[in-house]
Amino acid sequence: MFFRQSIINPEMSNYIRKSNNKYMENLINYNNKLKNKFKNLFQNKTYEIQEVNNIYFLLPFVSLVSFLAGYKYKSIL
C-alpha cells in the first residue's frame, strides 16, 4: 500500500528533524532537573526542618505585628 507523501525540501526536513530532536532534548533535560530537585528535597531532611523553623519563627512575629496594628487602630478611633 502506498501513502501519499508531501513534497518537502530535504533541507527543510532536516531542519524539522533537528528542531524536534532539540525540543525533545530540552524536555528530557527539564524533566531530569525536576526529578533531581525533588530527589534532593526529599533526601535532605535538614532542608525540611529549616523550612518548618522559618514558619514557626514568622508566626509569632506576624501575630505581634497584627496585634500592634489593631491596638494602634483602636487608639485612633
C-alpha atoms as a PDB file:
ATOM      1  CA  MET A   1       0.000   0.000   0.000  1.00  0.00           C
ATOM      2  CA  PHE A   2       1.394   3.384  -0.960  1.00  0.00           C
ATOM      3  CA  PHE A   3       0.938   6.525   1.063  1.00  0.00           C
ATOM      4  CA  ARG A   4       0.969   9.919  -0.497  1.00  0.00           C
ATOM      5  CA  GLN A   5       3.954  11.885   0.699  1.00  0.00           C
ATOM      6  CA  SER A   6       4.024  15.630   0.685  1.00  0.00           C
ATOM      7  CA  ILE A   7       6.884  17.141  -1.230  1.00  0.00           C
ATOM      8  CA  ILE A   8       9.261  18.771   1.246  1.00  0.00           C
ATOM      9  CA  ASN A   9      12.629  20.237   0.564  1.00  0.00           C
ATOM     10  CA  PRO A  10      15.296  17.890   2.056  1.00  0.00           C
ATOM     11  CA  GLU A  11      16.891  20.825   3.853  1.00  0.00           C
ATOM     12  CA  MET A  12      13.540  21.663   5.393  1.00  0.00           C
ATOM     13  CA  SER A  13      13.006  18.081   6.530  1.00  0.00           C
ATOM     14  CA  ASN A  14      16.488  18.119   8.092  1.00  0.00           C
ATOM     15  CA  TYR A  15      15.644  21.360   9.881  1.00  0.00           C
ATOM     16  CA  ILE A  16      12.379  19.896  11.189  1.00  0.00           C
ATOM     17  CA  ARG A  17      14.133  16.747  12.389  1.00  0.00           C
ATOM     18  CA  LYS A  18      16.855  18.722  14.154  1.00  0.00           C
ATOM     19  CA  SER A  19      14.394  21.081  15.805  1.00  0.00           C
ATOM     20  CA  ASN A  20      12.284  18.148  17.022  1.00  0.00           C
ATOM     21  CA  ASN A  21      15.380  16.457  18.395  1.00  0.00           C
ATOM     22  CA  LYS A  22      16.421  19.672  20.144  1.00  0.00           C
ATOM     23  CA  TYR A  23      12.933  20.087  21.622  1.00  0.00           C
ATOM     24  CA  MET A  24      12.957  16.515  22.946  1.00  0.00           C
ATOM     25  CA  GLU A  25      16.454  17.034  24.364  1.00  0.00           C
ATOM     26  CA  ASN A  26      15.330  20.165  26.205  1.00  0.00           C
ATOM     27  CA  LEU A  27      12.235  18.382  27.506  1.00  0.00           C
ATOM     28  CA  ILE A  28      14.274  15.455  28.814  1.00  0.00           C
ATOM     29  CA  ASN A  29      16.789  17.815  30.451  1.00  0.00           C
ATOM     30  CA  TYR A  30      13.980  19.767  32.123  1.00  0.00           C
ATOM     31  CA  ASN A  31      12.376  16.575  33.434  1.00  0.00           C
ATOM     32  CA  ASN A  32      15.713  15.358  34.768  1.00  0.00           C
ATOM     33  CA  LYS A  33      16.289  18.682  36.538  1.00  0.00           C
ATOM     34  CA  LEU A  34      12.867  18.428  38.178  1.00  0.00           C
ATOM     35  CA  LYS A  35      13.495  14.837  39.247  1.00  0.00           C
ATOM     36  CA  ASN A  36      16.846  15.783  40.757  1.00  0.00           C
ATOM     37  CA  LYS A  37      15.349  18.783  42.539  1.00  0.00           C
ATOM     38  CA  PHE A  38      12.609  16.697  44.168  1.00  0.00           C
ATOM     39  CA  LYS A  39      15.026  13.867  44.926  1.00  0.00           C
ATOM     40  CA  ASN A  40      17.330  16.307  46.723  1.00  0.00           C
ATOM     41  CA  LEU A  41      14.387  17.885  48.505  1.00  0.00           C
ATOM     42  CA  PHE A  42      13.213  14.607  49.992  1.00  0.00           C
ATOM     43  CA  GLN A  43      16.700  13.254  50.729  1.00  0.00           C
ATOM     44  CA  ASN A  44      17.851  16.349  52.580  1.00  0.00           C
ATOM     45  CA  LYS A  45      15.994  16.250  55.911  1.00  0.00           C
ATOM     46  CA  THR A  46      17.685  19.370  57.266  1.00  0.00           C
ATOM     47  CA  TYR A  47      16.072  21.404  54.485  1.00  0.00           C
ATOM     48  CA  GLU A  48      12.586  20.371  55.621  1.00  0.00           C
ATOM     49  CA  ILE A  49      13.411  21.122  59.270  1.00  0.00           C
ATOM     50  CA  GLN A  50      14.839  24.508  58.312  1.00  0.00           C
ATOM     51  CA  GLU A  51      11.648  25.406  56.419  1.00  0.00           C
ATOM     52  CA  VAL A  52       9.480  24.438  59.413  1.00  0.00           C
ATOM     53  CA  ASN A  53      11.641  26.516  61.766  1.00  0.00           C
ATOM     54  CA  ASN A  54      11.272  29.531  59.486  1.00  0.00           C
ATOM     55  CA  ILE A  55       7.485  29.146  59.567  1.00  0.00           C
ATOM     56  CA  TYR A  56       7.440  28.883  63.373  1.00  0.00           C
ATOM     57  CA  PHE A  57       9.649  31.949  63.626  1.00  0.00           C
ATOM     58  CA  LEU A  58       7.357  34.000  61.382  1.00  0.00           C
ATOM     59  CA  LEU A  59       4.128  33.034  63.171  1.00  0.00           C
ATOM     60  CA  PRO A  60       4.695  34.983  66.443  1.00  0.00           C
ATOM     61  CA  PHE A  61       6.196  37.886  64.544  1.00  0.00           C
ATOM     62  CA  VAL A  62       3.117  38.208  62.320  1.00  0.00           C
ATOM     63  CA  SER A  63       0.765  37.870  65.284  1.00  0.00           C
ATOM     64  CA  LEU A  64       2.687  40.554  67.199  1.00  0.00           C
ATOM     65  CA  VAL A  65       2.584  42.958  64.260  1.00  0.00           C
ATOM     66  CA  SER A  66      -1.137  42.368  63.730  1.00  0.00           C
ATOM     67  CA  PHE A  67      -1.805  42.893  67.456  1.00  0.00           C
ATOM     68  CA  LEU A  68       0.130  46.170  67.485  1.00  0.00           C
ATOM     69  CA  ALA A  69      -1.629  47.339  64.337  1.00  0.00           C
ATOM     70  CA  GLY A  70      -5.014  46.563  65.890  1.00  0.00           C
ATOM     71  CA  TYR A  71      -4.045  48.351  69.109  1.00  0.00           C
ATOM     72  CA  LYS A  72      -2.931  51.408  67.147  1.00  0.00           C
ATOM     73  CA  TYR A  73      -6.150  51.338  65.082  1.00  0.00           C
ATOM     74  CA  LYS A  74      -8.256  51.127  68.257  1.00  0.00           C
ATOM     75  CA  SER A  75      -6.431  54.068  69.830  1.00  0.00           C
ATOM     76  CA  ILE A  76      -7.062  56.170  66.708  1.00  0.00           C
ATOM     77  CA  LEU A  77     -10.818  55.569  66.941  1.00  0.00           C
END
